[in-house]
Structures are given as C-alpha cells and as structure tokens.
C-alpha cells in the first residue's frame, strides 16, 4: 500500500516536530554541575555526543556492536526535553521519570518505523540486558567522570562526588580501565606528540 501525500506530509511533520524538540537538548544544561559551582556547564546534547562516542569504543573493546551501543547512547537522555536534567539531589523528593512513557509520548506523531526504532532503543537501554546497553550505560558514567576531571583541571574543586559515583557505577572491564587511566592522565595529554 502506498502512502498518500497527506499521510506522507503528516509523517514528515511528526519527525520535524521531534527534531525541534531534540534541539532543546543543545540548550539544556546539565544541572548537577551547578552544585559544584560550574557557571556554564555542558549541555545535555554535548554530554550525549561523547557518551555515544564512548559507547561505541567500549562496545568495540568488549566484543559488542559499536554502532548499536552508540545508537542506544544517543537516546539515553532525550527524555530530558520534557522533564529537564534532574540532579541526584532531587531523588528524595521526586519519583524517577518514566523514560519509556516520555519517549512514547515524544514519538507518538512520528511514522511507526521511526517511532519504533527510538522506543526500541530506549527500551533496550533501560533494560540493560544486552552488552550494548551495558556499554552505553558505562559510557554515560565514564563521560561524567571525564567531565568532572576536565572541570577539576580548570579549577572546580567540588567534583569528587561525581568522580566517585561514576567509578562505582562502571561494570565493563574496558570502562573501568579507561576510568583508571583518565585518573592518572592529564586532560591535555592528547596534545603532546
């Protein structure tokens, strides 16, 4: 069955609207860093990019599918367009947002193929039953640790709790090794030849 021009246009509108919503992630700051005194913390989109990159690298080293791990990581914080970036200090007062429910609402106006691939990625990430999902979660923790080390290197001293909690949350051998290496390497060592 061929899609009518009207249905095709409605599908395109649904994707365009979701794309505009995703643009919010470029402006949404990671709120927890304000508690450490960071005046202009990274955005959720900036965080998510490095999480996806790290997820692919971790998955490659762990024998998983790098593309799948990176894809899961891309969507891991996309729900924050609706609920914001809630710092850990909010946990005693607020229930954890239901990322699956938020995602289902976000993609409700999209064509089914597109909506399904986003819902499936969020489900897999939230379930943490696949190697790729575990790599994506480790990448989220590792990225936080790296960001804390970068903030510390420019003078923010209150970041140790982020370093400690990130280290404690790692599960893959690769992520643990990279974290240990990051703790003993200058954030600018990559510039040296």
N, C-alpha and C. Protein backbone atom coordinates (compact mmCIF):
# COMPACT_ATOMS: atom_id res chain seq x y z
N UNK A 1 0.84 -1.18 0.00
CA UNK A 1 0.00 0.00 0.00
C UNK A 1 0.89 1.24 0.00
N UNK A 2 0.58 2.17 -0.86
CA UNK A 2 1.36 3.40 -0.97
C UNK A 2 0.80 4.46 -0.03
N UNK A 3 1.72 5.23 0.51
CA UNK A 3 1.32 6.30 1.42
C UNK A 3 0.76 7.47 0.62
N UNK A 4 -0.36 8.03 1.08
CA UNK A 4 -0.94 9.18 0.41
C UNK A 4 -0.06 10.40 0.66
N UNK A 5 -0.14 11.40 -0.22
CA UNK A 5 0.64 12.63 0.02
C UNK A 5 0.32 13.27 1.36
N UNK A 6 -0.93 13.20 1.79
CA UNK A 6 -1.31 13.78 3.08
C UNK A 6 -0.65 13.02 4.24
N UNK A 7 -0.68 11.70 4.16
CA UNK A 7 -0.07 10.88 5.21
C UNK A 7 1.45 11.08 5.22
N UNK A 8 2.04 11.18 4.04
CA UNK A 8 3.48 11.42 3.94
C UNK A 8 3.83 12.75 4.59
N UNK A 9 3.05 13.79 4.32
CA UNK A 9 3.30 15.10 4.91
C UNK A 9 3.13 15.06 6.42
N UNK A 10 2.11 14.35 6.91
CA UNK A 10 1.90 14.25 8.36
C UNK A 10 3.08 13.53 9.02
N UNK A 11 3.60 12.49 8.38
CA UNK A 11 4.76 11.78 8.90
C UNK A 11 5.97 12.70 8.98
N UNK A 12 6.16 13.48 7.93
CA UNK A 12 7.29 14.41 7.89
C UNK A 12 7.15 15.47 8.97
N UNK A 13 5.94 15.94 9.20
CA UNK A 13 5.70 16.93 10.24
C UNK A 13 6.03 16.35 11.61
N UNK A 14 5.65 15.11 11.86
CA UNK A 14 5.94 14.46 13.13
C UNK A 14 7.43 14.37 13.40
N UNK A 15 8.20 14.02 12.37
CA UNK A 15 9.65 13.94 12.53
C UNK A 15 10.24 15.34 12.73
N UNK A 16 9.76 16.32 11.96
CA UNK A 16 10.27 17.69 12.10
C UNK A 16 10.00 18.23 13.50
N UNK A 17 8.80 17.98 14.01
CA UNK A 17 8.48 18.47 15.35
C UNK A 17 9.37 17.81 16.41
N UNK A 18 9.62 16.52 16.26
CA UNK A 18 10.50 15.83 17.21
C UNK A 18 11.93 16.36 17.09
N UNK A 19 12.36 16.66 15.88
CA UNK A 19 13.70 17.22 15.69
C UNK A 19 13.83 18.57 16.38
N UNK A 20 12.79 19.40 16.29
CA UNK A 20 12.82 20.68 17.02
C UNK A 20 12.88 20.44 18.52
N UNK A 21 12.11 19.47 19.00
CA UNK A 21 12.15 19.16 20.43
C UNK A 21 13.56 18.72 20.84
N UNK A 22 14.19 17.88 20.04
CA UNK A 22 15.55 17.43 20.36
C UNK A 22 16.53 18.60 20.42
N UNK A 23 16.25 19.66 19.68
CA UNK A 23 17.09 20.85 19.73
C UNK A 23 17.17 21.47 21.11
N UNK A 24 16.16 21.22 21.94
CA UNK A 24 16.17 21.72 23.32
C UNK A 24 17.39 21.18 24.07
N UNK A 25 17.81 19.96 23.73
CA UNK A 25 18.95 19.34 24.42
C UNK A 25 20.23 20.14 24.22
N UNK A 26 20.32 20.92 23.16
CA UNK A 26 21.51 21.75 22.93
C UNK A 26 21.53 22.95 23.88
N UNK A 27 20.36 23.34 24.39
CA UNK A 27 20.28 24.50 25.28
C UNK A 27 20.11 24.12 26.74
N UNK A 28 19.78 22.87 26.99
CA UNK A 28 19.53 22.39 28.35
C UNK A 28 20.84 22.02 29.02
N UNK A 29 21.16 22.70 30.10
CA UNK A 29 22.42 22.48 30.82
C UNK A 29 22.29 21.32 31.80
N UNK A 30 23.37 20.63 32.01
CA UNK A 30 23.42 19.53 32.99
C UNK A 30 23.45 20.15 34.38
N UNK A 31 22.32 20.08 35.07
CA UNK A 31 22.07 20.86 36.28
C UNK A 31 22.96 20.50 37.46
N UNK A 32 23.37 19.27 37.59
CA UNK A 32 24.16 18.87 38.74
C UNK A 32 25.47 19.63 38.86
N UNK A 33 26.03 20.02 37.73
CA UNK A 33 27.31 20.74 37.77
C UNK A 33 27.20 22.10 38.44
N UNK A 34 26.00 22.68 38.46
CA UNK A 34 25.84 23.95 39.18
C UNK A 34 26.13 23.76 40.66
N UNK A 35 25.85 22.58 41.20
CA UNK A 35 26.14 22.31 42.61
C UNK A 35 27.64 22.32 42.88
N UNK A 36 28.43 22.05 41.86
CA UNK A 36 29.90 22.07 42.00
C UNK A 36 30.45 23.46 41.69
N UNK A 37 29.57 24.42 41.40
CA UNK A 37 30.00 25.77 41.14
C UNK A 37 30.32 26.08 39.69
N UNK A 38 30.06 25.14 38.78
CA UNK A 38 30.35 25.36 37.36
C UNK A 38 29.32 26.36 36.83
N UNK A 39 29.80 27.50 36.35
CA UNK A 39 28.90 28.57 35.90
C UNK A 39 28.19 28.24 34.60
N UNK A 40 28.87 27.62 33.68
CA UNK A 40 28.29 27.32 32.37
C UNK A 40 28.55 25.85 32.04
N UNK A 41 27.78 24.95 32.66
CA UNK A 41 28.04 23.53 32.45
C UNK A 41 27.67 23.09 31.04
N UNK A 42 28.19 21.93 30.70
CA UNK A 42 27.90 21.33 29.40
C UNK A 42 26.40 21.16 29.21
N UNK A 43 25.98 21.11 27.96
CA UNK A 43 24.58 20.84 27.67
C UNK A 43 24.35 19.34 27.64
N UNK A 44 23.09 18.95 27.69
CA UNK A 44 22.74 17.54 27.59
C UNK A 44 23.19 17.00 26.23
N UNK A 45 23.07 17.78 25.18
CA UNK A 45 23.50 17.33 23.85
C UNK A 45 25.01 17.12 23.80
N UNK A 46 25.76 18.02 24.40
CA UNK A 46 27.21 17.87 24.44
C UNK A 46 27.59 16.59 25.19
N UNK A 47 26.95 16.38 26.31
CA UNK A 47 27.16 15.16 27.09
C UNK A 47 26.82 13.92 26.25
N UNK A 48 25.67 13.94 25.59
CA UNK A 48 25.20 12.78 24.85
C UNK A 48 26.10 12.43 23.67
N UNK A 49 26.70 13.43 23.04
CA UNK A 49 27.61 13.14 21.93
C UNK A 49 28.79 12.31 22.41
N UNK A 50 29.44 12.74 23.48
CA UNK A 50 30.61 11.99 23.95
C UNK A 50 30.19 10.65 24.53
N UNK A 51 29.01 10.56 25.13
CA UNK A 51 28.51 9.27 25.61
C UNK A 51 28.39 8.30 24.44
N UNK A 52 27.80 8.76 23.34
CA UNK A 52 27.64 7.89 22.17
C UNK A 52 29.00 7.46 21.61
N UNK A 53 29.94 8.39 21.54
CA UNK A 53 31.27 8.06 21.04
C UNK A 53 31.94 7.03 21.94
N UNK A 54 31.88 7.24 23.25
CA UNK A 54 32.48 6.30 24.19
C UNK A 54 31.78 4.95 24.17
N UNK A 55 30.47 4.96 24.03
CA UNK A 55 29.72 3.69 23.99
C UNK A 55 30.20 2.83 22.83
N UNK A 56 30.42 3.44 21.68
CA UNK A 56 30.92 2.69 20.53
C UNK A 56 32.29 2.12 20.79
N UNK A 57 33.16 2.91 21.40
CA UNK A 57 34.52 2.44 21.69
C UNK A 57 34.52 1.32 22.73
N UNK A 58 33.74 1.49 23.77
CA UNK A 58 33.66 0.46 24.81
C UNK A 58 33.11 -0.84 24.22
N UNK A 59 32.05 -0.73 23.43
CA UNK A 59 31.46 -1.92 22.81
C UNK A 59 32.46 -2.63 21.90
N UNK A 60 33.24 -1.87 21.14
CA UNK A 60 34.23 -2.48 20.27
C UNK A 60 35.23 -3.29 21.08
N UNK A 61 35.68 -2.75 22.19
CA UNK A 61 36.65 -3.45 23.04
C UNK A 61 36.04 -4.63 23.78
N UNK A 62 34.75 -4.55 24.07
CA UNK A 62 34.08 -5.61 24.81
C UNK A 62 33.51 -6.71 23.90
N UNK A 63 33.66 -6.54 22.58
CA UNK A 63 33.15 -7.54 21.65
C UNK A 63 31.70 -7.35 21.25
N UNK A 64 31.17 -6.18 21.49
CA UNK A 64 29.78 -5.88 21.13
C UNK A 64 29.70 -5.13 19.81
N UNK A 65 28.52 -4.65 19.50
CA UNK A 65 28.25 -3.90 18.28
C UNK A 65 28.41 -2.40 18.58
N UNK A 66 29.51 -1.79 18.12
CA UNK A 66 29.74 -0.37 18.43
C UNK A 66 28.61 0.55 17.95
N UNK A 67 28.08 0.27 16.77
CA UNK A 67 27.03 1.14 16.23
C UNK A 67 25.77 1.06 17.09
N UNK A 68 25.43 -0.14 17.53
CA UNK A 68 24.23 -0.29 18.36
C UNK A 68 24.42 0.40 19.72
N UNK A 69 25.57 0.21 20.33
CA UNK A 69 25.83 0.85 21.62
C UNK A 69 25.77 2.36 21.49
N UNK A 70 26.36 2.90 20.43
CA UNK A 70 26.33 4.35 20.22
C UNK A 70 24.89 4.82 19.99
N UNK A 71 24.11 4.04 19.25
CA UNK A 71 22.72 4.41 18.99
C UNK A 71 21.91 4.45 20.29
N UNK A 72 22.11 3.47 21.14
CA UNK A 72 21.40 3.48 22.43
C UNK A 72 21.79 4.70 23.25
N UNK A 73 23.06 5.03 23.22
CA UNK A 73 23.55 6.17 24.00
C UNK A 73 22.98 7.50 23.49
N UNK A 74 22.77 7.60 22.21
CA UNK A 74 22.20 8.84 21.65
C UNK A 74 20.86 9.17 22.31
N UNK A 75 20.08 8.15 22.63
CA UNK A 75 18.73 8.35 23.15
C UNK A 75 18.64 8.33 24.66
N UNK A 76 19.75 8.10 25.36
CA UNK A 76 19.67 7.84 26.80
C UNK A 76 19.15 9.02 27.62
N UNK A 77 19.32 10.25 27.17
CA UNK A 77 18.82 11.42 27.90
C UNK A 77 17.84 12.25 27.08
N UNK A 78 17.33 11.72 25.99
CA UNK A 78 16.44 12.51 25.12
C UNK A 78 15.14 12.89 25.82
N UNK A 79 14.77 12.18 26.85
CA UNK A 79 13.53 12.48 27.58
C UNK A 79 13.65 13.78 28.38
N UNK A 80 14.86 14.27 28.57
CA UNK A 80 15.05 15.46 29.37
C UNK A 80 14.48 16.72 28.72
N UNK A 81 14.09 16.63 27.46
CA UNK A 81 13.38 17.76 26.85
C UNK A 81 12.06 18.02 27.58
N UNK A 82 11.50 16.97 28.17
CA UNK A 82 10.20 17.07 28.85
C UNK A 82 10.32 17.29 30.35
N UNK A 83 11.38 16.79 30.98
CA UNK A 83 11.46 16.85 32.44
C UNK A 83 12.69 17.59 32.94
N UNK A 84 13.55 18.01 32.04
CA UNK A 84 14.78 18.68 32.44
C UNK A 84 15.81 17.69 32.93
N UNK A 85 16.97 18.21 33.28
CA UNK A 85 18.04 17.39 33.83
C UNK A 85 17.95 17.47 35.34
N UNK A 86 17.49 16.41 35.94
CA UNK A 86 17.28 16.40 37.39
C UNK A 86 18.55 15.94 38.10
N UNK A 87 19.11 16.77 38.98
CA UNK A 87 20.30 16.34 39.71
C UNK A 87 19.94 15.26 40.73
N UNK A 88 20.96 14.55 41.19
CA UNK A 88 20.75 13.47 42.15
C UNK A 88 20.09 13.97 43.44
N UNK A 89 20.26 15.24 43.77
CA UNK A 89 19.66 15.76 45.00
C UNK A 89 18.13 15.80 44.93
N UNK A 90 17.56 15.64 43.74
CA UNK A 90 16.10 15.64 43.61
C UNK A 90 15.49 14.28 43.95
N UNK A 91 16.31 13.22 44.02
CA UNK A 91 15.80 11.87 44.20
C UNK A 91 14.94 11.67 45.46
N UNK A 92 15.27 12.27 46.59
CA UNK A 92 14.40 12.05 47.76
C UNK A 92 13.02 12.70 47.62
N UNK A 93 12.88 13.63 46.69
CA UNK A 93 11.65 14.41 46.59
C UNK A 93 10.79 14.07 45.38
N UNK A 94 11.43 13.53 44.34
CA UNK A 94 10.71 13.26 43.09
C UNK A 94 10.90 11.81 42.69
N UNK A 95 9.86 11.23 42.13
CA UNK A 95 10.00 9.90 41.57
C UNK A 95 10.82 10.00 40.29
N UNK A 96 11.53 8.93 39.98
CA UNK A 96 12.33 8.90 38.76
C UNK A 96 11.37 8.97 37.56
N UNK A 97 11.64 9.85 36.61
CA UNK A 97 10.78 9.92 35.43
C UNK A 97 10.77 8.58 34.68
N UNK A 98 9.64 8.25 34.10
CA UNK A 98 9.49 7.02 33.33
C UNK A 98 9.92 7.30 31.89
N UNK A 99 11.18 7.00 31.59
CA UNK A 99 11.74 7.33 30.28
C UNK A 99 11.00 6.65 29.14
N UNK A 100 10.49 5.46 29.35
CA UNK A 100 9.73 4.77 28.30
C UNK A 100 8.43 5.53 27.99
N UNK A 101 7.75 5.96 29.02
CA UNK A 101 6.49 6.69 28.84
C UNK A 101 6.73 8.03 28.15
N UNK A 102 7.78 8.72 28.58
CA UNK A 102 8.11 10.00 27.96
C UNK A 102 8.44 9.79 26.48
N UNK A 103 9.26 8.79 26.19
CA UNK A 103 9.64 8.51 24.81
C UNK A 103 8.42 8.19 23.97
N UNK A 104 7.53 7.37 24.49
CA UNK A 104 6.31 7.02 23.74
C UNK A 104 5.52 8.27 23.39
N UNK A 105 5.43 9.21 24.30
CA UNK A 105 4.72 10.46 24.04
C UNK A 105 5.48 11.31 23.02
N UNK A 106 6.81 11.34 23.15
CA UNK A 106 7.62 12.15 22.23
C UNK A 106 7.46 11.70 20.78
N UNK A 107 7.37 10.40 20.56
CA UNK A 107 7.37 9.87 19.19
C UNK A 107 5.97 9.54 18.68
N UNK A 108 4.95 9.88 19.42
CA UNK A 108 3.58 9.49 19.08
C UNK A 108 3.12 10.01 17.72
N UNK A 109 3.63 11.13 17.26
CA UNK A 109 3.18 11.71 15.98
C UNK A 109 4.10 11.34 14.82
N UNK A 110 5.09 10.53 15.11
CA UNK A 110 6.04 10.13 14.07
C UNK A 110 5.55 8.89 13.33
N UNK A 111 6.07 8.65 12.13
CA UNK A 111 5.73 7.40 11.45
C UNK A 111 6.21 6.21 12.27
N UNK A 112 5.52 5.09 12.12
CA UNK A 112 5.77 3.93 13.00
C UNK A 112 7.20 3.41 12.92
N UNK A 113 7.81 3.37 11.77
CA UNK A 113 9.18 2.85 11.66
C UNK A 113 10.15 3.69 12.49
N UNK A 114 10.03 5.00 12.38
CA UNK A 114 10.90 5.90 13.14
C UNK A 114 10.59 5.82 14.62
N UNK A 115 9.33 5.86 14.97
CA UNK A 115 8.93 5.81 16.37
C UNK A 115 9.39 4.50 17.01
N UNK A 116 9.24 3.41 16.30
CA UNK A 116 9.60 2.11 16.82
C UNK A 116 11.11 2.01 17.09
N UNK A 117 11.93 2.55 16.20
CA UNK A 117 13.38 2.42 16.42
C UNK A 117 13.82 3.24 17.63
N UNK A 118 13.17 4.35 17.91
CA UNK A 118 13.51 5.14 19.10
C UNK A 118 13.00 4.43 20.36
N UNK A 119 11.76 3.98 20.33
CA UNK A 119 11.21 3.27 21.50
C UNK A 119 12.03 2.02 21.82
N UNK A 120 12.40 1.27 20.78
CA UNK A 120 13.20 0.05 20.99
C UNK A 120 14.56 0.36 21.60
N UNK A 121 15.18 1.44 21.15
CA UNK A 121 16.49 1.83 21.69
C UNK A 121 16.37 2.21 23.16
N UNK A 122 15.34 2.98 23.50
CA UNK A 122 15.14 3.38 24.89
C UNK A 122 14.83 2.16 25.75
N UNK A 123 13.98 1.26 25.25
CA UNK A 123 13.67 0.04 26.00
C UNK A 123 14.94 -0.78 26.27
N UNK A 124 15.74 -0.97 25.24
CA UNK A 124 16.96 -1.76 25.40
C UNK A 124 17.92 -1.10 26.39
N UNK A 125 18.07 0.22 26.28
CA UNK A 125 18.95 0.93 27.21
C UNK A 125 18.44 0.79 28.65
N UNK A 126 17.16 0.99 28.85
CA UNK A 126 16.58 0.94 30.19
C UNK A 126 16.64 -0.48 30.78
N UNK A 127 16.49 -1.51 29.95
CA UNK A 127 16.52 -2.90 30.43
C UNK A 127 17.92 -3.35 30.85
N UNK A 128 18.95 -2.83 30.21
CA UNK A 128 20.35 -3.19 30.49
C UNK A 128 20.59 -4.70 30.43
N UNK A 129 19.95 -5.36 29.46
CA UNK A 129 20.10 -6.82 29.32
C UNK A 129 21.09 -7.19 28.23
N UNK A 130 21.46 -6.24 27.38
CA UNK A 130 22.40 -6.55 26.29
C UNK A 130 23.76 -5.94 26.61
N UNK A 131 24.78 -6.51 26.00
CA UNK A 131 26.12 -5.96 26.17
C UNK A 131 26.16 -4.50 25.72
N UNK A 132 25.49 -4.21 24.61
CA UNK A 132 25.49 -2.84 24.08
C UNK A 132 24.84 -1.86 25.05
N UNK A 133 23.78 -2.27 25.71
CA UNK A 133 23.13 -1.40 26.70
C UNK A 133 24.05 -1.17 27.90
N UNK A 134 24.73 -2.22 28.32
CA UNK A 134 25.69 -2.07 29.43
C UNK A 134 26.84 -1.15 29.04
N UNK A 135 27.30 -1.26 27.80
CA UNK A 135 28.37 -0.38 27.32
C UNK A 135 27.88 1.07 27.25
N UNK A 136 26.64 1.27 26.81
CA UNK A 136 26.09 2.63 26.74
C UNK A 136 25.95 3.23 28.14
N UNK A 137 25.50 2.43 29.10
CA UNK A 137 25.38 2.93 30.48
C UNK A 137 26.75 3.25 31.05
N UNK A 138 27.73 2.38 30.80
CA UNK A 138 29.09 2.66 31.26
C UNK A 138 29.63 3.93 30.61
N UNK A 139 29.30 4.14 29.35
CA UNK A 139 29.75 5.35 28.66
C UNK A 139 29.17 6.59 29.31
N UNK A 140 27.93 6.52 29.76
CA UNK A 140 27.30 7.63 30.47
C UNK A 140 28.07 7.95 31.75
N UNK A 141 28.40 6.92 32.50
CA UNK A 141 29.16 7.12 33.74
C UNK A 141 30.58 7.61 33.45
N UNK A 142 31.22 7.02 32.44
CA UNK A 142 32.59 7.40 32.09
C UNK A 142 32.65 8.84 31.59
N UNK A 143 31.66 9.24 30.81
CA UNK A 143 31.64 10.62 30.32
C UNK A 143 31.51 11.59 31.48
N UNK A 144 30.71 11.26 32.46
CA UNK A 144 30.56 12.11 33.65
C UNK A 144 31.89 12.22 34.38
N UNK A 145 32.59 11.11 34.52
CA UNK A 145 33.90 11.13 35.18
C UNK A 145 34.88 12.01 34.41
N UNK A 146 34.92 11.84 33.09
CA UNK A 146 35.83 12.65 32.27
C UNK A 146 35.50 14.14 32.40
N UNK A 147 34.21 14.46 32.38
CA UNK A 147 33.81 15.86 32.51
C UNK A 147 34.21 16.41 33.87
N UNK A 148 34.05 15.61 34.92
CA UNK A 148 34.46 16.05 36.26
C UNK A 148 35.96 16.33 36.29
N UNK A 149 36.73 15.45 35.68
CA UNK A 149 38.18 15.66 35.64
C UNK A 149 38.54 16.92 34.85
N UNK A 150 37.81 17.17 33.76
CA UNK A 150 38.06 18.39 32.99
C UNK A 150 37.69 19.63 33.80
N UNK A 151 36.57 19.59 34.49
CA UNK A 151 36.20 20.73 35.33
C UNK A 151 37.23 20.93 36.44
N UNK A 152 37.68 19.84 37.05
CA UNK A 152 38.68 19.95 38.12
C UNK A 152 39.97 20.56 37.58
N UNK A 153 40.34 20.21 36.34
CA UNK A 153 41.60 20.71 35.78
C UNK A 153 41.57 22.22 35.53
N UNK A 154 40.38 22.81 35.47
CA UNK A 154 40.29 24.27 35.28
C UNK A 154 39.86 24.99 36.56
N UNK A 155 39.96 24.26 37.69
CA UNK A 155 39.79 24.94 38.96
C UNK A 155 38.55 24.63 39.78
N UNK A 156 37.62 23.85 39.27
CA UNK A 156 36.44 23.50 40.07
C UNK A 156 36.82 22.36 41.01
N UNK A 157 36.75 22.62 42.31
CA UNK A 157 37.27 21.65 43.28
C UNK A 157 36.21 20.71 43.84
N UNK A 158 34.95 20.99 43.67
CA UNK A 158 33.90 20.19 44.30
C UNK A 158 33.39 19.04 43.46
N UNK A 159 34.19 18.47 42.60
CA UNK A 159 33.71 17.46 41.66
C UNK A 159 33.97 16.02 42.11
N UNK A 160 34.65 15.82 43.23
CA UNK A 160 35.00 14.46 43.66
C UNK A 160 33.79 13.54 43.79
N UNK A 161 32.64 14.00 44.29
CA UNK A 161 31.49 13.09 44.36
C UNK A 161 31.08 12.53 42.99
N UNK A 162 31.21 13.31 41.93
CA UNK A 162 30.89 12.84 40.59
C UNK A 162 31.90 11.78 40.14
N UNK A 163 33.15 12.01 40.47
CA UNK A 163 34.20 11.04 40.13
C UNK A 163 33.93 9.72 40.86
N UNK A 164 33.67 9.81 42.16
CA UNK A 164 33.45 8.61 42.97
C UNK A 164 32.21 7.83 42.51
N UNK A 165 31.11 8.52 42.29
CA UNK A 165 29.88 7.81 41.88
C UNK A 165 30.01 7.23 40.48
N UNK A 166 30.73 7.92 39.62
CA UNK A 166 30.94 7.40 38.27
C UNK A 166 31.77 6.12 38.31
N UNK A 167 32.84 6.15 39.06
CA UNK A 167 33.68 4.95 39.19
C UNK A 167 32.89 3.78 39.75
N UNK A 168 32.09 4.04 40.75
CA UNK A 168 31.32 2.98 41.40
C UNK A 168 30.27 2.37 40.46
N UNK A 169 29.82 3.14 39.47
CA UNK A 169 28.76 2.66 38.58
C UNK A 169 29.23 1.91 37.36
N UNK A 170 30.54 1.78 37.16
CA UNK A 170 31.05 1.11 35.96
C UNK A 170 30.98 -0.41 36.11
N UNK A 171 30.68 -1.08 35.00
CA UNK A 171 30.58 -2.54 35.05
C UNK A 171 31.51 -3.26 34.08
N UNK A 172 31.83 -2.66 32.95
CA UNK A 172 32.68 -3.35 31.98
C UNK A 172 34.15 -3.14 32.30
N UNK A 173 34.95 -4.12 31.97
CA UNK A 173 36.39 -4.03 32.20
C UNK A 173 36.99 -2.86 31.43
N UNK A 174 36.54 -2.66 30.20
CA UNK A 174 37.07 -1.57 29.39
C UNK A 174 36.81 -0.22 30.04
N UNK A 175 35.59 0.02 30.46
CA UNK A 175 35.25 1.31 31.08
C UNK A 175 36.04 1.52 32.36
N UNK A 176 36.20 0.47 33.15
CA UNK A 176 36.98 0.59 34.38
C UNK A 176 38.44 0.93 34.08
N UNK A 177 38.99 0.30 33.07
CA UNK A 177 40.39 0.58 32.70
C UNK A 177 40.56 2.00 32.17
N UNK A 178 39.62 2.44 31.35
CA UNK A 178 39.70 3.80 30.81
C UNK A 178 39.56 4.81 31.95
N UNK A 179 38.68 4.56 32.88
CA UNK A 179 38.50 5.46 34.03
C UNK A 179 39.78 5.55 34.84
N UNK A 180 40.38 4.43 35.13
CA UNK A 180 41.64 4.44 35.89
C UNK A 180 42.73 5.19 35.14
N UNK A 181 42.79 4.99 33.83
CA UNK A 181 43.78 5.72 33.02
C UNK A 181 43.49 7.22 33.05
N UNK A 182 42.22 7.59 32.96
CA UNK A 182 41.86 9.01 32.97
C UNK A 182 42.26 9.68 34.28
N UNK A 183 42.19 8.94 35.37
CA UNK A 183 42.55 9.49 36.67
C UNK A 183 44.03 9.81 36.79
N UNK A 184 44.85 9.19 35.96
CA UNK A 184 46.30 9.39 36.05
C UNK A 184 46.87 10.11 34.83
N UNK A 185 46.00 10.58 33.95
CA UNK A 185 46.43 11.24 32.71
C UNK A 185 45.97 12.69 32.72
N UNK A 186 46.80 13.56 32.21
CA UNK A 186 46.40 14.96 32.07
C UNK A 186 45.27 15.07 31.04
N UNK A 187 44.35 15.99 31.30
CA UNK A 187 43.27 16.21 30.33
C UNK A 187 43.80 16.80 29.02
N UNK A 188 45.03 17.27 29.02
CA UNK A 188 45.63 17.83 27.81
C UNK A 188 46.74 16.94 27.24
N UNK A 189 46.89 15.74 27.76
CA UNK A 189 47.95 14.84 27.27
C UNK A 189 47.82 14.53 25.78
N UNK A 190 46.61 14.58 25.27
CA UNK A 190 46.37 14.28 23.85
C UNK A 190 47.08 15.28 22.94
N UNK A 191 47.44 16.45 23.47
CA UNK A 191 48.12 17.49 22.66
C UNK A 191 49.59 17.22 22.49
N UNK A 192 50.15 16.42 23.37
CA UNK A 192 51.58 16.15 23.33
C UNK A 192 51.90 15.17 22.21
N UNK A 193 53.03 15.37 21.57
CA UNK A 193 53.42 14.46 20.49
C UNK A 193 54.71 13.81 20.79
